[in-house]
Amino acid sequence: MQILTLPFNNLTGTLPEEWKSMAGMQSFSMVGNALNGSIPGDVLTSWSGLHEVYLPGNNISGPLPSLPSKIQNLILAGNQLTGTLPSEWGDAQNLTILHLGSNILTGSLPSEFGKLVALNFLDLSQNQLKGSIPSAWAGMTGLKVVKLHDHTSSEEQNSIHGQVPFKACGLEALYV
């Protein structure tokens, strides 16, 4: 199987660890269901050709998973994910969309994300992140949209401060 798309089906339960045997997976989407539990540690990385993961609007909890090397689009918004942003995600050179808004992520913004030169959309709003935007983020020259705060929501917000280092990129929208 290369593509699994099951949006808005009221599916419940956890993502089975046995799914790692579906080695040919390229696109995985279970948007707007009622999935819970954590993403099993090596399921996504076992899908070596995986380039799209769409799991927003579920009840997935636990830490952020390890990423496969070819990942391009990762949307895990609107879940209950906890923990910090993994610095090793800065090695995901093909990543173009990263949407982790509306979770319970804590800690600081990793300077290693500055290596994400292909990234053009970043949404980390409505979490509990703190600190400043690392100066290394100026290396994200492909960024078009950065959303670290949602001005339309009364939900939990990040506490980000300091200078904005995105001078050289073609940024079209910045929400801090």
N, C-alpha and C. Protein backbone atom coordinates (compact mmCIF):
# COMPACT_ATOMS: atom_id res chain seq x y z
N MET A 1 0.84 -1.17 0.00
CA MET A 1 0.00 0.00 0.00
C MET A 1 0.89 1.24 0.00
N GLN A 2 0.57 2.20 -0.88
CA GLN A 2 1.35 3.43 -0.95
C GLN A 2 0.61 4.62 -0.37
N ILE A 3 -0.71 4.62 -0.47
CA ILE A 3 -1.51 5.76 0.00
C ILE A 3 -2.63 5.24 0.89
N LEU A 4 -2.73 5.82 2.08
CA LEU A 4 -3.83 5.51 2.99
C LEU A 4 -4.49 6.83 3.37
N THR A 5 -5.74 7.00 2.95
CA THR A 5 -6.49 8.23 3.23
C THR A 5 -7.84 7.85 3.80
N LEU A 6 -8.06 8.17 5.07
CA LEU A 6 -9.31 7.87 5.77
C LEU A 6 -9.76 9.09 6.58
N PRO A 7 -10.12 10.20 5.92
CA PRO A 7 -10.51 11.40 6.67
C PRO A 7 -11.95 11.36 7.16
N PHE A 8 -12.17 11.95 8.32
CA PHE A 8 -13.49 12.22 8.88
C PHE A 8 -14.39 10.98 8.90
N ASN A 9 -13.89 9.89 9.45
CA ASN A 9 -14.65 8.64 9.54
C ASN A 9 -14.98 8.25 10.98
N ASN A 10 -14.72 9.13 11.93
CA ASN A 10 -14.94 8.83 13.34
C ASN A 10 -14.19 7.58 13.79
N LEU A 11 -13.03 7.34 13.21
CA LEU A 11 -12.21 6.21 13.60
C LEU A 11 -11.64 6.45 15.00
N THR A 12 -11.62 5.42 15.81
CA THR A 12 -11.12 5.54 17.18
C THR A 12 -9.97 4.56 17.39
N GLY A 13 -9.33 4.68 18.52
CA GLY A 13 -8.25 3.77 18.87
C GLY A 13 -6.89 4.37 18.57
N THR A 14 -5.89 3.53 18.62
CA THR A 14 -4.51 3.97 18.44
C THR A 14 -3.99 3.52 17.07
N LEU A 15 -2.88 4.11 16.68
CA LEU A 15 -2.21 3.67 15.45
C LEU A 15 -1.45 2.39 15.77
N PRO A 16 -1.76 1.31 15.11
CA PRO A 16 -1.12 0.03 15.44
C PRO A 16 0.36 -0.01 15.07
N GLU A 17 1.17 -0.52 15.95
CA GLU A 17 2.60 -0.67 15.67
C GLU A 17 2.82 -1.64 14.52
N GLU A 18 1.89 -2.55 14.30
CA GLU A 18 2.01 -3.51 13.20
C GLU A 18 2.00 -2.84 11.83
N TRP A 19 1.53 -1.60 11.77
CA TRP A 19 1.47 -0.89 10.49
C TRP A 19 2.86 -0.63 9.92
N LYS A 20 3.90 -0.75 10.74
CA LYS A 20 5.25 -0.51 10.22
C LYS A 20 5.61 -1.51 9.13
N SER A 21 4.88 -2.61 9.02
CA SER A 21 5.14 -3.58 7.95
C SER A 21 4.65 -3.09 6.58
N MET A 22 3.90 -2.00 6.54
CA MET A 22 3.45 -1.42 5.26
C MET A 22 4.56 -0.53 4.71
N ALA A 23 5.66 -1.15 4.33
CA ALA A 23 6.90 -0.43 3.98
C ALA A 23 6.78 0.51 2.79
N GLY A 24 5.82 0.30 1.90
CA GLY A 24 5.70 1.14 0.70
C GLY A 24 4.92 2.42 0.90
N MET A 25 4.49 2.71 2.12
CA MET A 25 3.64 3.88 2.38
C MET A 25 4.34 5.18 1.98
N GLN A 26 3.62 6.00 1.18
CA GLN A 26 4.14 7.30 0.75
C GLN A 26 3.31 8.46 1.29
N SER A 27 2.00 8.24 1.41
CA SER A 27 1.11 9.29 1.88
C SER A 27 0.14 8.68 2.89
N PHE A 28 0.07 9.31 4.08
CA PHE A 28 -0.73 8.78 5.18
C PHE A 28 -1.61 9.89 5.73
N SER A 29 -2.93 9.73 5.62
CA SER A 29 -3.85 10.77 6.05
C SER A 29 -5.04 10.17 6.79
N MET A 30 -5.20 10.61 8.04
CA MET A 30 -6.36 10.22 8.85
C MET A 30 -6.87 11.48 9.56
N VAL A 31 -7.17 12.48 8.78
CA VAL A 31 -7.61 13.79 9.26
C VAL A 31 -8.96 13.69 9.95
N GLY A 32 -9.11 14.39 11.09
CA GLY A 32 -10.40 14.59 11.72
C GLY A 32 -11.11 13.33 12.19
N ASN A 33 -10.38 12.39 12.73
CA ASN A 33 -10.99 11.22 13.33
C ASN A 33 -10.92 11.37 14.85
N ALA A 34 -10.97 10.30 15.57
CA ALA A 34 -10.89 10.35 17.03
C ALA A 34 -9.78 9.43 17.52
N LEU A 35 -8.68 9.42 16.77
CA LEU A 35 -7.54 8.58 17.14
C LEU A 35 -6.92 9.08 18.43
N ASN A 36 -6.43 8.17 19.26
CA ASN A 36 -5.79 8.57 20.51
C ASN A 36 -4.51 7.78 20.71
N GLY A 37 -3.90 7.97 21.85
CA GLY A 37 -2.63 7.31 22.12
C GLY A 37 -1.51 8.01 21.38
N SER A 38 -0.33 7.47 21.47
CA SER A 38 0.82 8.10 20.84
C SER A 38 1.10 7.48 19.48
N ILE A 39 1.92 8.15 18.70
CA ILE A 39 2.37 7.60 17.43
C ILE A 39 3.51 6.64 17.76
N PRO A 40 3.34 5.35 17.44
CA PRO A 40 4.40 4.39 17.78
C PRO A 40 5.75 4.84 17.23
N GLY A 41 6.77 4.73 18.06
CA GLY A 41 8.09 5.27 17.79
C GLY A 41 8.67 5.08 16.42
N ASP A 42 8.60 3.88 15.86
CA ASP A 42 9.28 3.66 14.59
C ASP A 42 8.33 3.40 13.42
N VAL A 43 7.05 3.64 13.58
CA VAL A 43 6.13 3.41 12.47
C VAL A 43 6.45 4.34 11.30
N LEU A 44 6.56 5.64 11.54
CA LEU A 44 6.80 6.58 10.44
C LEU A 44 8.16 6.36 9.80
N THR A 45 9.18 6.10 10.59
CA THR A 45 10.52 5.91 10.02
C THR A 45 10.64 4.57 9.28
N SER A 46 9.79 3.62 9.59
CA SER A 46 9.83 2.35 8.87
C SER A 46 9.27 2.50 7.45
N TRP A 47 8.52 3.55 7.23
CA TRP A 47 8.00 3.84 5.88
C TRP A 47 9.01 4.76 5.19
N SER A 48 10.05 4.18 4.65
CA SER A 48 11.18 4.97 4.12
C SER A 48 10.81 5.90 2.97
N GLY A 49 9.77 5.61 2.23
CA GLY A 49 9.36 6.48 1.12
C GLY A 49 8.29 7.49 1.52
N LEU A 50 7.94 7.55 2.79
CA LEU A 50 6.88 8.42 3.26
C LEU A 50 7.23 9.89 3.05
N HIS A 51 6.34 10.64 2.38
CA HIS A 51 6.59 12.07 2.21
C HIS A 51 5.44 12.94 2.71
N GLU A 52 4.30 12.35 3.08
CA GLU A 52 3.18 13.14 3.60
C GLU A 52 2.53 12.44 4.79
N VAL A 53 2.35 13.20 5.87
CA VAL A 53 1.62 12.71 7.04
C VAL A 53 0.62 13.79 7.43
N TYR A 54 -0.67 13.42 7.39
CA TYR A 54 -1.75 14.34 7.75
C TYR A 54 -2.58 13.68 8.85
N LEU A 55 -2.39 14.14 10.09
CA LEU A 55 -3.13 13.61 11.23
C LEU A 55 -3.74 14.72 12.09
N PRO A 56 -4.15 15.85 11.52
CA PRO A 56 -4.72 16.90 12.37
C PRO A 56 -6.12 16.54 12.86
N GLY A 57 -6.52 17.18 13.95
CA GLY A 57 -7.88 17.05 14.45
C GLY A 57 -8.21 15.69 15.03
N ASN A 58 -7.25 15.07 15.68
CA ASN A 58 -7.48 13.82 16.39
C ASN A 58 -7.21 14.08 17.87
N ASN A 59 -7.00 13.05 18.64
CA ASN A 59 -6.65 13.19 20.06
C ASN A 59 -5.33 12.49 20.35
N ILE A 60 -4.42 12.54 19.39
CA ILE A 60 -3.13 11.86 19.52
C ILE A 60 -2.30 12.57 20.59
N SER A 61 -1.70 11.79 21.46
CA SER A 61 -0.92 12.36 22.57
C SER A 61 0.50 11.80 22.54
N GLY A 62 1.27 12.20 23.53
CA GLY A 62 2.63 11.71 23.64
C GLY A 62 3.62 12.59 22.90
N PRO A 63 4.87 12.14 22.82
CA PRO A 63 5.92 12.95 22.20
C PRO A 63 5.83 12.94 20.68
N LEU A 64 6.51 13.88 20.07
CA LEU A 64 6.60 13.93 18.62
C LEU A 64 7.43 12.75 18.12
N PRO A 65 7.04 12.18 16.99
CA PRO A 65 7.75 10.99 16.49
C PRO A 65 9.05 11.35 15.77
N SER A 66 9.86 10.34 15.52
CA SER A 66 11.02 10.51 14.63
C SER A 66 10.48 10.62 13.21
N LEU A 67 11.24 11.30 12.36
CA LEU A 67 10.77 11.54 11.00
C LEU A 67 11.53 10.72 9.97
N PRO A 68 10.82 10.24 8.94
CA PRO A 68 11.52 9.59 7.83
C PRO A 68 12.29 10.64 7.02
N SER A 69 13.33 10.22 6.36
CA SER A 69 14.22 11.16 5.68
C SER A 69 13.57 11.90 4.52
N LYS A 70 12.56 11.34 3.88
CA LYS A 70 11.94 11.97 2.70
C LYS A 70 10.71 12.81 3.02
N ILE A 71 10.40 13.00 4.28
CA ILE A 71 9.18 13.72 4.65
C ILE A 71 9.17 15.13 4.07
N GLN A 72 8.02 15.49 3.47
CA GLN A 72 7.84 16.82 2.89
C GLN A 72 6.77 17.61 3.64
N ASN A 73 5.65 16.96 3.93
CA ASN A 73 4.53 17.62 4.59
C ASN A 73 4.18 16.87 5.86
N LEU A 74 4.23 17.58 6.98
CA LEU A 74 3.90 16.98 8.28
C LEU A 74 2.89 17.89 8.97
N ILE A 75 1.65 17.39 9.09
CA ILE A 75 0.59 18.16 9.72
C ILE A 75 0.01 17.34 10.86
N LEU A 76 0.33 17.76 12.09
CA LEU A 76 -0.12 17.09 13.30
C LEU A 76 -0.88 18.07 14.20
N ALA A 77 -1.43 19.11 13.63
CA ALA A 77 -2.12 20.16 14.40
C ALA A 77 -3.39 19.62 15.06
N GLY A 78 -3.79 20.29 16.13
CA GLY A 78 -5.06 19.97 16.77
C GLY A 78 -5.10 18.62 17.45
N ASN A 79 -4.02 18.24 18.09
CA ASN A 79 -3.95 17.00 18.84
C ASN A 79 -3.59 17.33 20.28
N GLN A 80 -3.04 16.39 20.99
CA GLN A 80 -2.62 16.59 22.38
C GLN A 80 -1.15 16.21 22.53
N LEU A 81 -0.35 16.46 21.50
CA LEU A 81 1.06 16.09 21.52
C LEU A 81 1.83 16.92 22.55
N THR A 82 2.75 16.28 23.24
CA THR A 82 3.49 16.92 24.32
C THR A 82 4.99 16.79 24.08
N GLY A 83 5.75 17.45 24.93
CA GLY A 83 7.20 17.37 24.85
C GLY A 83 7.77 18.54 24.07
N THR A 84 9.02 18.39 23.70
CA THR A 84 9.75 19.46 23.02
C THR A 84 9.88 19.18 21.52
N LEU A 85 10.25 20.22 20.79
CA LEU A 85 10.51 20.07 19.36
C LEU A 85 11.87 19.38 19.19
N PRO A 86 11.91 18.24 18.52
CA PRO A 86 13.18 17.50 18.39
C PRO A 86 14.19 18.25 17.53
N SER A 87 15.38 18.48 18.05
CA SER A 87 16.40 19.19 17.28
C SER A 87 16.79 18.40 16.03
N GLU A 88 16.70 17.07 16.06
CA GLU A 88 17.06 16.27 14.89
C GLU A 88 16.11 16.48 13.71
N TRP A 89 14.95 17.09 13.95
CA TRP A 89 14.06 17.42 12.84
C TRP A 89 14.72 18.44 11.90
N GLY A 90 15.73 19.14 12.36
CA GLY A 90 16.47 20.07 11.51
C GLY A 90 17.18 19.37 10.35
N ASP A 91 17.29 18.04 10.43
CA ASP A 91 17.91 17.27 9.35
C ASP A 91 16.92 16.86 8.27
N ALA A 92 15.66 17.19 8.42
CA ALA A 92 14.61 16.82 7.44
C ALA A 92 14.66 17.81 6.27
N GLN A 93 15.65 17.64 5.41
CA GLN A 93 15.96 18.61 4.34
C GLN A 93 14.86 18.79 3.31
N ASN A 94 13.92 17.84 3.19
CA ASN A 94 12.84 17.95 2.20
C ASN A 94 11.57 18.57 2.78
N LEU A 95 11.56 18.83 4.07
CA LEU A 95 10.35 19.32 4.73
C LEU A 95 9.95 20.70 4.20
N THR A 96 8.72 20.80 3.67
CA THR A 96 8.22 22.07 3.16
C THR A 96 7.08 22.63 4.00
N ILE A 97 6.29 21.74 4.61
CA ILE A 97 5.17 22.18 5.46
C ILE A 97 5.29 21.50 6.81
N LEU A 98 5.31 22.30 7.87
CA LEU A 98 5.33 21.78 9.24
C LEU A 98 4.26 22.51 10.04
N HIS A 99 3.19 21.80 10.37
CA HIS A 99 2.07 22.41 11.10
C HIS A 99 1.84 21.60 12.37
N LEU A 100 2.23 22.19 13.50
CA LEU A 100 2.09 21.56 14.81
C LEU A 100 1.25 22.42 15.75
N GLY A 101 0.48 23.36 15.20
CA GLY A 101 -0.33 24.24 16.03
C GLY A 101 -1.35 23.48 16.85
N SER A 102 -1.78 24.09 17.95
CA SER A 102 -2.83 23.55 18.82
C SER A 102 -2.50 22.18 19.40
N ASN A 103 -1.33 22.10 20.00
CA ASN A 103 -0.93 20.93 20.76
C ASN A 103 -0.52 21.40 22.15
N ILE A 104 0.30 20.65 22.85
CA ILE A 104 0.75 21.04 24.19
C ILE A 104 2.28 20.96 24.21
N LEU A 105 2.92 21.45 23.18
CA LEU A 105 4.37 21.39 23.07
C LEU A 105 5.02 22.44 23.96
N THR A 106 6.13 22.09 24.58
CA THR A 106 6.83 22.98 25.50
C THR A 106 8.29 23.11 25.08
N GLY A 107 9.01 23.92 25.82
CA GLY A 107 10.44 24.09 25.55
C GLY A 107 10.71 25.25 24.63
N SER A 108 11.90 25.26 24.06
CA SER A 108 12.32 26.38 23.21
C SER A 108 12.32 25.96 21.74
N LEU A 109 12.53 26.95 20.89
CA LEU A 109 12.60 26.71 19.45
C LEU A 109 14.03 26.25 19.11
N PRO A 110 14.21 25.08 18.51
CA PRO A 110 15.55 24.56 18.24
C PRO A 110 16.27 25.35 17.15
N SER A 111 17.50 25.72 17.39
CA SER A 111 18.29 26.44 16.39
C SER A 111 18.53 25.56 15.16
N GLU A 112 18.52 24.24 15.33
CA GLU A 112 18.74 23.30 14.22
C GLU A 112 17.70 23.44 13.12
N PHE A 113 16.54 23.99 13.44
CA PHE A 113 15.52 24.21 12.41
C PHE A 113 16.01 25.18 11.34
N GLY A 114 17.05 25.95 11.64
CA GLY A 114 17.62 26.88 10.67
C GLY A 114 18.16 26.17 9.43
N LYS A 115 18.36 24.85 9.51
CA LYS A 115 18.83 24.06 8.36
C LYS A 115 17.70 23.66 7.42
N LEU A 116 16.46 23.97 7.77
CA LEU A 116 15.30 23.58 6.97
C LEU A 116 15.09 24.57 5.83
N VAL A 117 15.98 24.55 4.85
CA VAL A 117 15.96 25.55 3.77
C VAL A 117 14.77 25.37 2.82
N ALA A 118 14.18 24.17 2.75
CA ALA A 118 13.03 23.94 1.87
C ALA A 118 11.71 24.33 2.54
N LEU A 119 11.73 24.52 3.86
CA LEU A 119 10.50 24.82 4.60
C LEU A 119 9.90 26.14 4.13
N ASN A 120 8.59 26.10 3.75
CA ASN A 120 7.93 27.35 3.37
C ASN A 120 6.73 27.68 4.24
N PHE A 121 6.25 26.74 5.05
CA PHE A 121 5.12 27.01 5.94
C PHE A 121 5.43 26.40 7.30
N LEU A 122 5.40 27.22 8.35
CA LEU A 122 5.67 26.77 9.71
C LEU A 122 4.62 27.34 10.65
N ASP A 123 3.85 26.45 11.29
CA ASP A 123 2.86 26.87 12.27
C ASP A 123 3.10 26.11 13.57
N LEU A 124 3.52 26.85 14.58
CA LEU A 124 3.74 26.31 15.92
C LEU A 124 2.83 27.01 16.93
N SER A 125 1.82 27.71 16.46
CA SER A 125 0.95 28.51 17.33
C SER A 125 0.16 27.62 18.29
N GLN A 126 -0.38 28.25 19.32
CA GLN A 126 -1.22 27.61 20.33
C GLN A 126 -0.56 26.38 20.97
N ASN A 127 0.65 26.58 21.41
CA ASN A 127 1.38 25.60 22.20
C ASN A 127 1.86 26.32 23.45
N GLN A 128 2.86 25.80 24.10
CA GLN A 128 3.41 26.42 25.30
C GLN A 128 4.92 26.61 25.15
N LEU A 129 5.34 26.97 23.94
CA LEU A 129 6.76 27.18 23.65
C LEU A 129 7.21 28.51 24.24
N LYS A 130 8.47 28.59 24.65
CA LYS A 130 9.00 29.80 25.28
C LYS A 130 10.37 30.13 24.71
N GLY A 131 10.77 31.38 24.90
CA GLY A 131 12.12 31.79 24.50
C GLY A 131 12.11 32.68 23.28
N SER A 132 13.25 32.78 22.64
CA SER A 132 13.38 33.65 21.47
C SER A 132 13.51 32.82 20.20
N ILE A 133 13.33 33.48 19.08
CA ILE A 133 13.53 32.83 17.79
C ILE A 133 15.04 32.79 17.55
N PRO A 134 15.60 31.60 17.38
CA PRO A 134 17.06 31.50 17.20
C PRO A 134 17.53 32.25 15.96
N SER A 135 18.67 32.91 16.06
CA SER A 135 19.22 33.64 14.90
C SER A 135 19.51 32.69 13.74
N ALA A 136 19.76 31.40 14.03
CA ALA A 136 20.01 30.42 12.97
C ALA A 136 18.80 30.23 12.06
N TRP A 137 17.62 30.64 12.51
CA TRP A 137 16.43 30.50 11.69
C TRP A 137 16.49 31.40 10.46
N ALA A 138 17.41 32.32 10.41
CA ALA A 138 17.60 33.14 9.21
C ALA A 138 17.99 32.26 8.03
N GLY A 139 18.49 31.05 8.30
CA GLY A 139 18.85 30.10 7.25
C GLY A 139 17.66 29.47 6.55
N MET A 140 16.47 29.63 7.11
CA MET A 140 15.26 29.08 6.48
C MET A 140 14.80 30.04 5.38
N THR A 141 15.56 30.08 4.31
CA THR A 141 15.35 31.07 3.25
C THR A 141 14.11 30.82 2.40
N GLY A 142 13.51 29.65 2.48
CA GLY A 142 12.31 29.37 1.70
C GLY A 142 11.01 29.73 2.40
N LEU A 143 11.09 30.19 3.64
CA LEU A 143 9.87 30.47 4.41
C LEU A 143 9.00 31.55 3.78
N LYS A 144 7.71 31.24 3.70
CA LYS A 144 6.71 32.20 3.23
C LYS A 144 5.78 32.59 4.39
N VAL A 145 5.44 31.62 5.24
CA VAL A 145 4.51 31.86 6.36
C VAL A 145 5.10 31.26 7.63
N VAL A 146 5.16 32.09 8.68
CA VAL A 146 5.56 31.65 10.02
C VAL A 146 4.47 32.07 10.98
N LYS A 147 3.92 31.11 11.70
CA LYS A 147 2.85 31.40 12.65
C LYS A 147 3.25 30.83 14.00
N LEU A 148 3.64 31.73 14.90
CA LEU A 148 4.02 31.34 16.25
C LEU A 148 2.98 31.78 17.28
N HIS A 149 1.99 32.53 16.82
CA HIS A 149 0.94 33.05 17.70
C HIS A 149 -0.34 33.17 16.89
N ASP A 150 -1.46 32.87 17.50
CA ASP A 150 -2.76 33.01 16.82
C ASP A 150 -3.53 34.13 17.50
N HIS A 151 -3.59 35.26 16.83
CA HIS A 151 -4.25 36.44 17.41
C HIS A 151 -5.77 36.31 17.45
N THR A 152 -6.32 35.29 16.78
CA THR A 152 -7.78 35.13 16.75
C THR A 152 -8.27 34.18 17.82
N SER A 153 -7.37 33.63 18.63
CA SER A 153 -7.76 32.61 19.59
C SER A 153 -7.48 33.04 21.02
N SER A 154 -8.30 32.55 21.93
CA SER A 154 -8.06 32.78 23.36
C SER A 154 -7.41 31.55 24.00
N GLU A 155 -7.08 30.56 23.19
CA GLU A 155 -6.43 29.34 23.69
C GLU A 155 -5.00 29.65 24.16
N GLU A 156 -4.36 28.65 24.74
CA GLU A 156 -2.98 28.76 25.21
C GLU A 156 -2.08 29.27 24.08
N GLN A 157 -1.18 30.16 24.42
CA GLN A 157 -0.28 30.74 23.42
C GLN A 157 1.16 30.58 23.84
N ASN A 158 2.04 30.63 22.87
CA ASN A 158 3.48 30.59 23.13
C ASN A 158 3.92 31.90 23.77
N SER A 159 5.10 31.89 24.35
CA SER A 159 5.70 33.09 24.91
C SER A 159 7.05 33.29 24.22
N ILE A 160 7.01 33.82 23.01
CA ILE A 160 8.21 34.01 22.18
C ILE A 160 8.56 35.50 22.20
N HIS A 161 9.86 35.80 22.31
CA HIS A 161 10.30 37.19 22.38
C HIS A 161 11.60 37.36 21.62
N GLY A 162 12.06 38.58 21.51
CA GLY A 162 13.35 38.87 20.88
C GLY A 162 13.23 39.31 19.44
N GLN A 163 14.36 39.37 18.76
CA GLN A 163 14.40 39.82 17.38
C GLN A 163 13.94 38.73 16.42
N VAL A 164 13.38 39.18 15.31
CA VAL A 164 12.91 38.28 14.26
C VAL A 164 14.00 38.21 13.20
N PRO A 165 14.63 37.04 12.99
CA PRO A 165 15.81 36.95 12.12
C PRO A 165 15.52 36.68 10.64
N PHE A 166 14.30 36.89 10.18
CA PHE A 166 13.93 36.51 8.81
C PHE A 166 14.10 37.65 7.82
N LYS A 167 15.26 38.26 7.75
CA LYS A 167 15.47 39.41 6.87
C LYS A 167 15.66 39.03 5.41
N ALA A 168 16.35 37.94 5.15
CA ALA A 168 16.75 37.61 3.78
C ALA A 168 15.73 36.77 3.02
N CYS A 169 14.76 36.19 3.71
CA CYS A 169 13.84 35.30 3.01
C CYS A 169 12.64 36.07 2.44
N GLY A 170 11.84 35.38 1.65
CA GLY A 170 10.69 35.99 0.99
C GLY A 170 9.43 35.87 1.82
N LEU A 171 9.53 36.15 3.10
CA LEU A 171 8.42 35.98 4.02
C LEU A 171 7.22 36.82 3.60
N GLU A 172 6.05 36.17 3.54
CA GLU A 172 4.81 36.85 3.18
C GLU A 172 3.91 37.09 4.37
N ALA A 173 4.00 36.25 5.42
CA ALA A 173 3.18 36.42 6.61
C ALA A 173 3.94 35.96 7.84
N LEU A 174 3.91 36.78 8.88
CA LEU A 174 4.57 36.46 10.14
C LEU A 174 3.62 36.78 11.28
N TYR A 175 3.34 35.78 12.10
CA TYR A 175 2.46 35.94 13.26
C TYR A 175 3.26 35.56 14.49
N VAL A 176 3.71 36.56 15.24
CA VAL A 176 4.53 36.32 16.43
C VAL A 176 3.79 36.81 17.66
